[in-house]
Amino acid sequence: MPQIIPIKELKNTSEISEWCHKSDEPIYITKNGYGDMVIMSMETYESTMRRVSVYKDIELSEKQAQSGQVKEARSALAGMRTKYGL
């Protein structure tokens, strides 16, 4: 379940840092009752960014396949073997 805290609680940075490192999910910060910011540990952030990168690569691959920008596996492997001297 996501943690939601008001912005005035950001004064206790040590406690919030502990919350971030104990949870694999972001902490949502509200201001005047509305969503304002999201904070998370560096590990969670980096993991999320790696996942986003993979999703972008998959999306690009799907678009290339749909537009016909594909090669037969055997010819692609033969090209790589030639290029890298394998």
Protein backbone atom coordinates (compact mmCIF):
# COMPACT_ATOMS: atom_id res chain seq x y z
CA MET A 1 0.00 0.00 0.00
CA PRO A 2 1.49 3.37 -0.95
CA GLN A 3 2.58 5.76 1.75
CA ILE A 4 1.14 9.26 1.52
CA ILE A 5 2.38 12.04 3.77
CA PRO A 6 1.81 15.80 3.91
CA ILE A 7 4.67 18.08 2.90
CA LYS A 8 5.00 19.47 6.42
CA GLU A 9 6.33 16.05 7.55
CA LEU A 10 9.39 16.45 5.32
CA LYS A 11 11.12 18.18 8.23
CA ASN A 12 12.05 14.78 9.66
CA THR A 13 14.38 13.74 6.86
CA SER A 14 16.07 10.89 8.74
CA GLU A 15 12.78 9.11 9.35
CA ILE A 16 11.64 9.62 5.76
CA SER A 17 14.97 8.27 4.50
CA GLU A 18 14.42 5.15 6.59
CA TRP A 19 10.90 4.76 5.16
CA CYS A 20 12.28 5.02 1.63
CA HIS A 21 14.91 2.36 2.25
CA LYS A 22 12.51 -0.03 3.99
CA SER A 23 10.00 0.10 1.14
CA ASP A 24 10.41 -0.75 -2.53
CA GLU A 25 7.68 1.74 -3.37
CA PRO A 26 7.75 5.52 -3.60
CA ILE A 27 6.35 7.82 -0.92
CA TYR A 28 3.78 10.31 -2.17
CA ILE A 29 3.93 13.85 -0.78
CA THR A 30 0.82 16.01 -0.68
CA LYS A 31 0.53 19.78 -0.47
CA ASN A 32 -2.78 21.31 0.58
CA GLY A 33 -4.39 17.90 0.13
CA TYR A 34 -3.20 17.40 -3.46
CA GLY A 35 -0.39 15.29 -4.87
CA ASP A 36 2.81 17.32 -5.16
CA MET A 37 5.94 15.10 -5.19
CA VAL A 38 7.16 11.54 -5.05
CA ILE A 39 10.31 10.41 -3.22
CA MET A 40 12.07 7.07 -3.21
CA SER A 41 15.41 5.49 -2.43
CA MET A 42 18.16 5.57 -5.05
CA GLU A 43 17.94 1.79 -5.40
CA THR A 44 14.22 1.94 -6.15
CA TYR A 45 14.74 4.83 -8.57
CA GLU A 46 17.52 3.05 -10.48
CA SER A 47 15.51 -0.16 -10.65
CA THR A 48 12.52 1.76 -11.98
CA MET A 49 14.64 3.54 -14.60
CA ARG A 50 16.12 0.20 -15.79
CA ARG A 51 12.59 -1.17 -16.14
CA VAL A 52 11.48 1.92 -18.08
CA SER A 53 14.47 1.53 -20.40
CA VAL A 54 13.55 -2.10 -21.11
CA TYR A 55 9.94 -1.11 -21.83
CA LYS A 56 11.13 1.58 -24.26
CA ASP A 57 13.33 -0.96 -26.05
CA ILE A 58 10.42 -3.40 -26.31
CA GLU A 59 8.15 -0.66 -27.66
CA LEU A 60 10.76 0.29 -30.27
CA SER A 61 11.19 -3.35 -31.28
CA GLU A 62 7.44 -3.80 -31.66
CA LYS A 63 7.21 -0.70 -33.86
CA GLN A 64 10.10 -1.94 -36.02
CA ALA A 65 8.48 -5.34 -36.40
CA GLN A 66 5.13 -3.79 -37.34
CA SER A 67 6.76 -1.59 -39.97
CA GLY A 68 8.64 -4.54 -41.47
CA GLN A 69 12.10 -3.53 -40.28
CA VAL A 70 13.10 -7.11 -39.53
CA LYS A 71 15.74 -9.57 -40.71
CA GLU A 72 15.70 -13.30 -40.89
CA ALA A 73 17.59 -14.71 -37.90
CA ARG A 74 20.06 -16.72 -39.97
CA SER A 75 21.12 -13.75 -42.08
CA ALA A 76 21.34 -11.48 -39.02
CA LEU A 77 23.58 -13.99 -37.21
CA ALA A 78 25.71 -14.48 -40.32
CA GLY A 79 26.19 -10.71 -40.54
CA MET A 80 27.23 -10.54 -36.90
CA ARG A 81 29.68 -13.43 -37.33
CA THR A 82 31.26 -11.68 -40.30
CA LYS A 83 31.40 -8.32 -38.54
CA TYR A 84 33.00 -9.69 -35.38
CA GLY A 85 35.07 -12.47 -36.96
CA LEU A 86 33.33 -15.34 -35.22
